[in-house]
N, C-alpha and C. Protein backbone atom coordinates (compact mmCIF):
# COMPACT_ATOMS: atom_id res chain seq x y z
N MET A 1 19.28 11.74 8.77
CA MET A 1 18.65 11.72 7.46
C MET A 1 19.13 10.54 6.62
N LYS A 2 20.44 10.29 6.67
CA LYS A 2 20.98 9.19 5.88
C LYS A 2 20.50 7.84 6.40
N THR A 3 20.40 7.71 7.73
CA THR A 3 19.93 6.43 8.27
C THR A 3 18.46 6.21 7.93
N ASP A 4 17.68 7.29 7.92
CA ASP A 4 16.28 7.17 7.55
C ASP A 4 16.14 6.69 6.10
N SER A 5 16.93 7.24 5.21
CA SER A 5 16.88 6.83 3.80
C SER A 5 17.36 5.39 3.63
N LEU A 6 18.37 5.00 4.38
CA LEU A 6 18.85 3.62 4.30
C LEU A 6 17.81 2.63 4.84
N LYS A 7 17.14 3.02 5.92
CA LYS A 7 16.08 2.16 6.45
C LYS A 7 14.94 2.01 5.44
N ARG A 8 14.58 3.12 4.80
CA ARG A 8 13.51 3.07 3.80
C ARG A 8 13.92 2.23 2.60
N LEU A 9 15.16 2.36 2.19
CA LEU A 9 15.66 1.56 1.07
C LEU A 9 15.65 0.08 1.42
N LEU A 10 16.04 -0.26 2.63
CA LEU A 10 16.01 -1.65 3.07
C LEU A 10 14.58 -2.17 3.13
N ARG A 11 13.65 -1.37 3.66
CA ARG A 11 12.25 -1.77 3.70
C ARG A 11 11.69 -1.94 2.29
N LEU A 12 12.04 -1.02 1.39
CA LEU A 12 11.59 -1.12 0.00
C LEU A 12 12.07 -2.43 -0.61
N CYS A 13 13.33 -2.75 -0.42
CA CYS A 13 13.88 -3.99 -0.97
C CYS A 13 13.19 -5.22 -0.38
N LEU A 14 12.94 -5.19 0.92
CA LEU A 14 12.28 -6.34 1.57
C LEU A 14 10.84 -6.52 1.07
N PHE A 15 10.11 -5.42 0.94
CA PHE A 15 8.73 -5.52 0.45
C PHE A 15 8.69 -5.98 -1.01
N VAL A 16 9.59 -5.48 -1.83
CA VAL A 16 9.62 -5.88 -3.23
C VAL A 16 9.98 -7.36 -3.36
N LEU A 17 11.00 -7.80 -2.61
CA LEU A 17 11.39 -9.21 -2.67
C LEU A 17 10.28 -10.11 -2.12
N ALA A 18 9.66 -9.72 -1.02
CA ALA A 18 8.57 -10.52 -0.47
C ALA A 18 7.42 -10.64 -1.46
N GLN A 19 7.09 -9.53 -2.12
CA GLN A 19 6.01 -9.56 -3.10
C GLN A 19 6.38 -10.42 -4.30
N ALA A 20 7.59 -10.24 -4.79
CA ALA A 20 8.01 -10.95 -6.01
C ALA A 20 8.20 -12.44 -5.77
N LEU A 21 8.75 -12.79 -4.62
CA LEU A 21 9.08 -14.20 -4.38
C LEU A 21 7.99 -14.99 -3.67
N VAL A 22 7.16 -14.32 -2.87
CA VAL A 22 6.17 -15.05 -2.08
C VAL A 22 4.74 -14.68 -2.46
N PHE A 23 4.39 -13.42 -2.30
CA PHE A 23 2.97 -13.02 -2.39
C PHE A 23 2.42 -13.06 -3.81
N ASN A 24 3.23 -12.88 -4.82
CA ASN A 24 2.72 -12.98 -6.19
C ASN A 24 2.36 -14.41 -6.56
N ARG A 25 2.83 -15.37 -5.82
CA ARG A 25 2.54 -16.77 -6.08
C ARG A 25 1.25 -17.23 -5.39
N ILE A 26 0.72 -16.38 -4.51
CA ILE A 26 -0.51 -16.71 -3.79
C ILE A 26 -1.70 -16.18 -4.59
N LEU A 27 -2.61 -17.07 -4.91
CA LEU A 27 -3.82 -16.69 -5.64
C LEU A 27 -4.97 -17.49 -5.03
N ILE A 28 -5.74 -16.86 -4.18
CA ILE A 28 -6.82 -17.53 -3.48
C ILE A 28 -8.11 -17.43 -4.29
N PHE A 29 -8.73 -18.56 -4.55
CA PHE A 29 -9.96 -18.66 -5.35
C PHE A 29 -9.80 -18.08 -6.74
N GLY A 30 -8.60 -18.04 -7.24
CA GLY A 30 -8.34 -17.56 -8.59
C GLY A 30 -8.47 -16.06 -8.77
N CYS A 31 -8.57 -15.31 -7.66
CA CYS A 31 -8.75 -13.86 -7.84
C CYS A 31 -8.06 -13.01 -6.79
N ALA A 32 -7.84 -13.49 -5.58
CA ALA A 32 -7.30 -12.66 -4.50
C ALA A 32 -5.80 -12.87 -4.33
N THR A 33 -5.06 -11.79 -4.43
CA THR A 33 -3.62 -11.80 -4.23
C THR A 33 -3.27 -10.76 -3.17
N PRO A 34 -2.46 -11.13 -2.17
CA PRO A 34 -2.07 -10.12 -1.18
C PRO A 34 -1.09 -9.11 -1.79
N LEU A 35 -1.33 -7.85 -1.54
CA LEU A 35 -0.50 -6.77 -2.06
C LEU A 35 0.06 -5.98 -0.88
N LEU A 36 0.93 -6.60 -0.11
CA LEU A 36 1.42 -6.06 1.16
C LEU A 36 2.25 -4.79 0.99
N TYR A 37 2.82 -4.55 -0.17
CA TYR A 37 3.70 -3.39 -0.35
C TYR A 37 2.96 -2.07 -0.22
N VAL A 38 1.64 -2.07 -0.20
CA VAL A 38 0.86 -0.85 0.04
C VAL A 38 1.16 -0.32 1.44
N TYR A 39 1.49 -1.21 2.37
CA TYR A 39 1.83 -0.85 3.74
C TYR A 39 3.02 0.11 3.78
N PHE A 40 3.95 -0.04 2.85
CA PHE A 40 5.12 0.83 2.77
C PHE A 40 4.70 2.28 2.60
N VAL A 41 3.71 2.53 1.78
CA VAL A 41 3.25 3.89 1.51
C VAL A 41 2.36 4.41 2.64
N ILE A 42 1.56 3.55 3.22
CA ILE A 42 0.64 3.96 4.28
C ILE A 42 1.39 4.50 5.49
N THR A 43 2.55 3.95 5.80
CA THR A 43 3.25 4.28 7.05
C THR A 43 4.26 5.42 6.93
N PHE A 44 4.24 6.17 5.86
CA PHE A 44 5.14 7.32 5.77
C PHE A 44 4.72 8.38 6.78
N PRO A 45 5.70 9.08 7.38
CA PRO A 45 5.35 10.11 8.37
C PRO A 45 4.67 11.33 7.75
N ARG A 46 3.99 12.06 8.58
CA ARG A 46 3.24 13.23 8.15
C ARG A 46 4.16 14.32 7.59
N SER A 47 5.34 14.46 8.15
CA SER A 47 6.24 15.54 7.77
C SER A 47 7.09 15.22 6.54
N TYR A 48 6.97 14.04 6.00
CA TYR A 48 7.79 13.66 4.85
C TYR A 48 7.38 14.48 3.64
N PRO A 49 8.33 14.99 2.87
CA PRO A 49 7.97 15.81 1.70
C PRO A 49 7.15 15.02 0.67
N GLN A 50 6.19 15.71 0.08
CA GLN A 50 5.30 15.07 -0.89
C GLN A 50 6.07 14.51 -2.07
N TRP A 51 7.05 15.25 -2.56
CA TRP A 51 7.82 14.79 -3.71
C TRP A 51 8.62 13.53 -3.36
N GLY A 52 9.09 13.43 -2.12
CA GLY A 52 9.84 12.24 -1.70
C GLY A 52 8.94 11.02 -1.61
N LEU A 53 7.75 11.22 -1.08
CA LEU A 53 6.78 10.13 -0.99
C LEU A 53 6.38 9.64 -2.38
N LEU A 54 6.16 10.58 -3.30
CA LEU A 54 5.82 10.20 -4.67
C LEU A 54 6.97 9.47 -5.35
N LEU A 55 8.19 9.92 -5.11
CA LEU A 55 9.36 9.28 -5.71
C LEU A 55 9.57 7.86 -5.18
N TRP A 56 9.49 7.69 -3.86
CA TRP A 56 9.63 6.35 -3.28
C TRP A 56 8.55 5.41 -3.81
N SER A 57 7.33 5.90 -3.90
CA SER A 57 6.21 5.07 -4.37
C SER A 57 6.36 4.72 -5.85
N PHE A 58 6.80 5.69 -6.62
CA PHE A 58 7.00 5.43 -8.05
C PHE A 58 8.07 4.37 -8.26
N VAL A 59 9.18 4.47 -7.54
CA VAL A 59 10.27 3.49 -7.67
C VAL A 59 9.80 2.11 -7.22
N MET A 60 9.08 2.07 -6.10
CA MET A 60 8.59 0.77 -5.64
C MET A 60 7.61 0.17 -6.65
N GLY A 61 6.71 0.97 -7.16
CA GLY A 61 5.77 0.49 -8.17
C GLY A 61 6.47 0.00 -9.42
N LEU A 62 7.51 0.72 -9.83
CA LEU A 62 8.28 0.32 -11.00
C LEU A 62 8.96 -1.03 -10.78
N LEU A 63 9.53 -1.23 -9.59
CA LEU A 63 10.17 -2.51 -9.27
C LEU A 63 9.15 -3.65 -9.21
N ILE A 64 8.00 -3.38 -8.62
CA ILE A 64 6.94 -4.40 -8.55
C ILE A 64 6.49 -4.75 -9.96
N ASP A 65 6.33 -3.74 -10.81
CA ASP A 65 5.93 -3.98 -12.20
C ASP A 65 6.95 -4.82 -12.95
N MET A 66 8.21 -4.57 -12.70
CA MET A 66 9.25 -5.35 -13.39
C MET A 66 9.21 -6.81 -12.98
N PHE A 67 9.00 -7.08 -11.69
CA PHE A 67 8.98 -8.47 -11.23
C PHE A 67 7.67 -9.18 -11.53
N ALA A 68 6.57 -8.45 -11.55
CA ALA A 68 5.25 -9.07 -11.72
C ALA A 68 4.76 -9.04 -13.16
N ASN A 69 5.51 -8.40 -14.04
CA ASN A 69 5.15 -8.29 -15.45
C ASN A 69 3.78 -7.61 -15.62
N THR A 70 3.60 -6.54 -14.88
CA THR A 70 2.40 -5.71 -14.99
C THR A 70 2.84 -4.31 -15.41
N PRO A 71 2.96 -4.06 -16.69
CA PRO A 71 3.60 -2.82 -17.15
C PRO A 71 2.88 -1.54 -16.74
N GLY A 72 3.38 -0.91 -15.70
CA GLY A 72 2.89 0.39 -15.28
C GLY A 72 1.69 0.37 -14.35
N ILE A 73 1.11 -0.78 -14.11
CA ILE A 73 -0.12 -0.84 -13.32
C ILE A 73 0.16 -0.55 -11.84
N ALA A 74 1.11 -1.26 -11.25
CA ALA A 74 1.44 -1.02 -9.85
C ALA A 74 2.06 0.36 -9.66
N CYS A 75 2.82 0.79 -10.62
CA CYS A 75 3.47 2.10 -10.55
C CYS A 75 2.43 3.22 -10.50
N ALA A 76 1.46 3.17 -11.37
CA ALA A 76 0.41 4.20 -11.40
C ALA A 76 -0.45 4.14 -10.14
N SER A 77 -0.82 2.95 -9.73
CA SER A 77 -1.70 2.80 -8.57
C SER A 77 -1.00 3.23 -7.28
N LEU A 78 0.26 2.85 -7.13
CA LEU A 78 1.00 3.20 -5.92
C LEU A 78 1.31 4.69 -5.86
N THR A 79 1.55 5.30 -7.01
CA THR A 79 1.79 6.74 -7.04
C THR A 79 0.51 7.50 -6.67
N LEU A 80 -0.64 7.00 -7.09
CA LEU A 80 -1.91 7.61 -6.70
C LEU A 80 -2.11 7.51 -5.20
N ILE A 81 -1.81 6.37 -4.62
CA ILE A 81 -1.94 6.20 -3.17
C ILE A 81 -0.99 7.14 -2.43
N ALA A 82 0.21 7.32 -2.97
CA ALA A 82 1.17 8.24 -2.35
C ALA A 82 0.67 9.67 -2.43
N LEU A 83 -0.04 10.00 -3.48
CA LEU A 83 -0.62 11.33 -3.61
C LEU A 83 -1.74 11.56 -2.59
N LEU A 84 -2.52 10.53 -2.31
CA LEU A 84 -3.65 10.65 -1.40
C LEU A 84 -3.28 10.47 0.08
N GLN A 85 -2.18 9.78 0.37
CA GLN A 85 -1.83 9.41 1.74
C GLN A 85 -1.73 10.59 2.71
N PRO A 86 -1.06 11.68 2.38
CA PRO A 86 -0.98 12.79 3.36
C PRO A 86 -2.35 13.39 3.68
N TYR A 87 -3.21 13.49 2.70
CA TYR A 87 -4.54 14.06 2.93
C TYR A 87 -5.41 13.12 3.74
N MET A 88 -5.31 11.84 3.47
CA MET A 88 -6.08 10.86 4.24
C MET A 88 -5.56 10.78 5.67
N LEU A 89 -4.24 10.85 5.84
CA LEU A 89 -3.65 10.80 7.17
C LEU A 89 -4.09 12.00 7.99
N LYS A 90 -4.20 13.15 7.35
CA LYS A 90 -4.65 14.36 8.04
C LYS A 90 -6.07 14.21 8.57
N LEU A 91 -6.91 13.45 7.87
CA LEU A 91 -8.27 13.22 8.32
C LEU A 91 -8.34 12.39 9.60
N PHE A 92 -7.38 11.50 9.78
CA PHE A 92 -7.42 10.58 10.91
C PHE A 92 -6.57 11.02 12.10
N LEU A 93 -5.79 12.08 11.94
CA LEU A 93 -4.95 12.57 13.03
C LEU A 93 -5.68 13.64 13.84
N PRO A 94 -5.40 13.71 15.14
CA PRO A 94 -5.94 14.83 15.91
C PRO A 94 -5.26 16.14 15.48
N ARG A 95 -5.90 17.24 15.73
CA ARG A 95 -5.37 18.53 15.29
C ARG A 95 -4.04 18.88 15.94
N ASP A 96 -3.85 18.47 17.17
CA ASP A 96 -2.62 18.80 17.87
C ASP A 96 -1.56 17.71 17.77
N ALA A 97 -1.64 16.87 16.76
CA ALA A 97 -0.69 15.76 16.59
C ALA A 97 0.69 16.28 16.22
N ASP A 98 1.70 15.53 16.60
CA ASP A 98 3.08 15.86 16.29
C ASP A 98 3.28 15.88 14.77
N GLU A 99 4.16 16.75 14.32
CA GLU A 99 4.41 16.90 12.88
C GLU A 99 5.11 15.67 12.29
N HIS A 100 5.87 14.94 13.09
CA HIS A 100 6.65 13.81 12.59
C HIS A 100 5.96 12.47 12.85
N ILE A 101 4.68 12.49 13.12
CA ILE A 101 3.95 11.26 13.42
C ILE A 101 3.74 10.44 12.15
N ALA A 102 3.88 9.14 12.31
CA ALA A 102 3.65 8.21 11.19
C ALA A 102 2.42 7.36 11.51
N ALA A 103 1.76 6.91 10.48
CA ALA A 103 0.56 6.10 10.67
C ALA A 103 0.94 4.72 11.17
N SER A 104 0.40 4.37 12.31
CA SER A 104 0.56 3.03 12.87
C SER A 104 -0.56 2.83 13.89
N ALA A 105 -0.75 1.60 14.30
CA ALA A 105 -1.78 1.30 15.28
C ALA A 105 -1.41 1.90 16.63
N LYS A 106 -0.13 2.03 16.88
CA LYS A 106 0.35 2.58 18.15
C LYS A 106 0.05 4.07 18.24
N THR A 107 0.23 4.80 17.15
CA THR A 107 0.04 6.25 17.18
C THR A 107 -1.41 6.68 16.93
N LEU A 108 -2.11 5.98 16.07
CA LEU A 108 -3.48 6.36 15.73
C LEU A 108 -4.53 5.61 16.53
N GLY A 109 -4.19 4.46 17.04
CA GLY A 109 -5.18 3.57 17.63
C GLY A 109 -5.60 2.55 16.57
N TRP A 110 -6.06 1.40 17.01
CA TRP A 110 -6.36 0.32 16.07
C TRP A 110 -7.48 0.66 15.10
N SER A 111 -8.53 1.25 15.60
CA SER A 111 -9.67 1.52 14.70
C SER A 111 -9.34 2.59 13.67
N GLN A 112 -8.65 3.65 14.09
CA GLN A 112 -8.27 4.72 13.16
C GLN A 112 -7.28 4.19 12.12
N PHE A 113 -6.29 3.42 12.57
CA PHE A 113 -5.31 2.88 11.64
C PHE A 113 -5.95 1.90 10.67
N ALA A 114 -6.82 1.04 11.18
CA ALA A 114 -7.49 0.08 10.31
C ALA A 114 -8.38 0.79 9.29
N SER A 115 -9.02 1.87 9.69
CA SER A 115 -9.84 2.64 8.75
C SER A 115 -8.99 3.29 7.67
N LEU A 116 -7.91 3.94 8.08
CA LEU A 116 -7.01 4.58 7.12
C LEU A 116 -6.44 3.57 6.15
N ALA A 117 -5.92 2.46 6.69
CA ALA A 117 -5.31 1.44 5.85
C ALA A 117 -6.33 0.79 4.92
N SER A 118 -7.53 0.55 5.40
CA SER A 118 -8.53 -0.10 4.55
C SER A 118 -9.00 0.82 3.42
N ILE A 119 -9.14 2.11 3.70
CA ILE A 119 -9.54 3.04 2.64
C ILE A 119 -8.46 3.12 1.56
N LEU A 120 -7.21 3.29 1.98
CA LEU A 120 -6.13 3.39 1.00
C LEU A 120 -5.93 2.07 0.24
N THR A 121 -6.08 0.96 0.94
CA THR A 121 -5.94 -0.34 0.29
C THR A 121 -7.07 -0.59 -0.71
N LEU A 122 -8.28 -0.21 -0.34
CA LEU A 122 -9.42 -0.36 -1.26
C LEU A 122 -9.23 0.51 -2.50
N ILE A 123 -8.78 1.73 -2.33
CA ILE A 123 -8.52 2.59 -3.49
C ILE A 123 -7.43 1.99 -4.36
N TYR A 124 -6.36 1.50 -3.71
CA TYR A 124 -5.26 0.90 -4.47
C TYR A 124 -5.75 -0.30 -5.28
N CYS A 125 -6.45 -1.22 -4.63
CA CYS A 125 -6.91 -2.43 -5.32
C CYS A 125 -7.90 -2.10 -6.42
N THR A 126 -8.77 -1.13 -6.19
CA THR A 126 -9.74 -0.74 -7.22
C THR A 126 -9.03 -0.19 -8.45
N VAL A 127 -8.09 0.71 -8.24
CA VAL A 127 -7.34 1.29 -9.37
C VAL A 127 -6.49 0.22 -10.05
N PHE A 128 -5.82 -0.60 -9.26
CA PHE A 128 -4.94 -1.64 -9.80
C PHE A 128 -5.70 -2.60 -10.71
N TYR A 129 -6.81 -3.15 -10.21
CA TYR A 129 -7.55 -4.14 -11.00
C TYR A 129 -8.37 -3.50 -12.12
N THR A 130 -8.74 -2.23 -11.97
CA THR A 130 -9.43 -1.55 -13.06
C THR A 130 -8.49 -1.33 -14.24
N ILE A 131 -7.28 -0.89 -13.94
CA ILE A 131 -6.30 -0.69 -15.03
C ILE A 131 -5.90 -2.04 -15.63
N GLU A 132 -5.77 -3.06 -14.79
CA GLU A 132 -5.39 -4.38 -15.28
C GLU A 132 -6.45 -4.97 -16.21
N ALA A 133 -7.70 -4.85 -15.81
CA ALA A 133 -8.78 -5.41 -16.62
C ALA A 133 -9.06 -4.54 -17.84
N PHE A 134 -9.03 -3.23 -17.65
CA PHE A 134 -9.28 -2.23 -18.68
C PHE A 134 -10.61 -2.42 -19.38
N THR A 135 -11.49 -3.15 -18.73
CA THR A 135 -12.84 -3.34 -19.24
C THR A 135 -13.72 -3.80 -18.09
N PHE A 136 -15.00 -3.54 -18.19
CA PHE A 136 -15.94 -4.03 -17.19
C PHE A 136 -16.79 -5.15 -17.78
N PHE A 137 -16.26 -5.84 -18.77
CA PHE A 137 -16.98 -6.94 -19.40
C PHE A 137 -17.24 -8.05 -18.39
N ASN A 138 -16.20 -8.41 -17.62
CA ASN A 138 -16.35 -9.44 -16.59
C ASN A 138 -16.30 -8.75 -15.23
N TRP A 139 -17.33 -8.01 -14.90
CA TRP A 139 -17.32 -7.19 -13.70
C TRP A 139 -17.37 -8.02 -12.42
N LEU A 140 -17.91 -9.23 -12.48
CA LEU A 140 -17.94 -10.08 -11.29
C LEU A 140 -16.52 -10.52 -10.91
N GLN A 141 -15.73 -10.89 -11.90
CA GLN A 141 -14.33 -11.25 -11.65
C GLN A 141 -13.56 -10.04 -11.10
N TRP A 142 -13.82 -8.87 -11.66
CA TRP A 142 -13.17 -7.64 -11.20
C TRP A 142 -13.54 -7.36 -9.75
N LEU A 143 -14.82 -7.49 -9.42
CA LEU A 143 -15.30 -7.24 -8.07
C LEU A 143 -14.70 -8.24 -7.07
N GLN A 144 -14.60 -9.50 -7.47
CA GLN A 144 -13.99 -10.51 -6.61
C GLN A 144 -12.51 -10.23 -6.39
N SER A 145 -11.83 -9.80 -7.44
CA SER A 145 -10.40 -9.48 -7.31
C SER A 145 -10.18 -8.30 -6.38
N VAL A 146 -10.97 -7.25 -6.57
CA VAL A 146 -10.83 -6.06 -5.72
C VAL A 146 -11.17 -6.40 -4.27
N GLY A 147 -12.30 -7.02 -4.05
CA GLY A 147 -12.72 -7.35 -2.68
C GLY A 147 -11.80 -8.35 -2.00
N GLY A 148 -11.47 -9.42 -2.71
CA GLY A 148 -10.61 -10.44 -2.12
C GLY A 148 -9.21 -9.94 -1.82
N SER A 149 -8.64 -9.19 -2.74
CA SER A 149 -7.29 -8.66 -2.52
C SER A 149 -7.27 -7.61 -1.41
N THR A 150 -8.33 -6.82 -1.32
CA THR A 150 -8.40 -5.82 -0.25
C THR A 150 -8.47 -6.50 1.11
N VAL A 151 -9.32 -7.49 1.24
CA VAL A 151 -9.46 -8.19 2.52
C VAL A 151 -8.18 -8.92 2.88
N LEU A 152 -7.59 -9.61 1.92
CA LEU A 152 -6.35 -10.36 2.18
C LEU A 152 -5.21 -9.42 2.53
N THR A 153 -5.10 -8.30 1.83
CA THR A 153 -4.05 -7.34 2.12
C THR A 153 -4.26 -6.71 3.50
N MET A 154 -5.49 -6.40 3.84
CA MET A 154 -5.76 -5.82 5.16
C MET A 154 -5.44 -6.79 6.28
N LEU A 155 -5.75 -8.06 6.07
CA LEU A 155 -5.39 -9.06 7.09
C LEU A 155 -3.88 -9.10 7.29
N LEU A 156 -3.13 -9.06 6.20
CA LEU A 156 -1.67 -9.07 6.31
C LEU A 156 -1.14 -7.78 6.94
N ILE A 157 -1.71 -6.64 6.58
CA ILE A 157 -1.25 -5.37 7.16
C ILE A 157 -1.51 -5.34 8.67
N LEU A 158 -2.68 -5.76 9.09
CA LEU A 158 -2.98 -5.77 10.51
C LEU A 158 -2.15 -6.80 11.27
N THR A 159 -1.87 -7.93 10.64
CA THR A 159 -0.98 -8.91 11.25
C THR A 159 0.43 -8.36 11.35
N PHE A 160 0.89 -7.73 10.31
CA PHE A 160 2.23 -7.13 10.31
C PHE A 160 2.33 -6.04 11.37
N GLU A 161 1.28 -5.27 11.51
CA GLU A 161 1.26 -4.19 12.52
C GLU A 161 1.25 -4.76 13.93
N THR A 162 0.60 -5.90 14.12
CA THR A 162 0.57 -6.54 15.43
C THR A 162 1.95 -7.09 15.79
N VAL A 163 2.63 -7.68 14.84
CA VAL A 163 3.94 -8.30 15.09
C VAL A 163 5.04 -7.24 15.23
N LYS A 164 4.88 -6.12 14.55
CA LYS A 164 5.89 -5.06 14.56
C LYS A 164 6.05 -4.49 15.96
N LYS A 165 7.26 -4.13 16.29
CA LYS A 165 7.52 -3.55 17.62
C LYS A 165 7.02 -2.14 17.69
């Protein structure tokens, strides 16, 4: 249990630092930013307690907000994704799946994992940019931000999943 928590803490720190130091500086076409830290929430195991998942996501969102100067936006969006993740994961798992299974391309298969990750990433980006804009006055910019960031984040998640052992 302690090693699992230490591994998660190390992953949380790595994702936060990568986002703060590298990915927040990437802005493609003035609207698309990769938000790779969503991968941290997507890959939690099925048996992980809901309160633990919400707590980890809230802390990660809070740290991202502190580094990105987005007061509460990442925190709220990531907590929502953490709330939806177990239910979405249940939709993509077979009925006789192991209780301790985690979402990955190896366990779910590439198409199932890509579907799960893309749905959660799309929800995250939609909520994130909706709260950030807080208006639909410039809906084309909002749509480009949501679409571009979702595609860019999915490319990074699938690349990360390919490279991961």
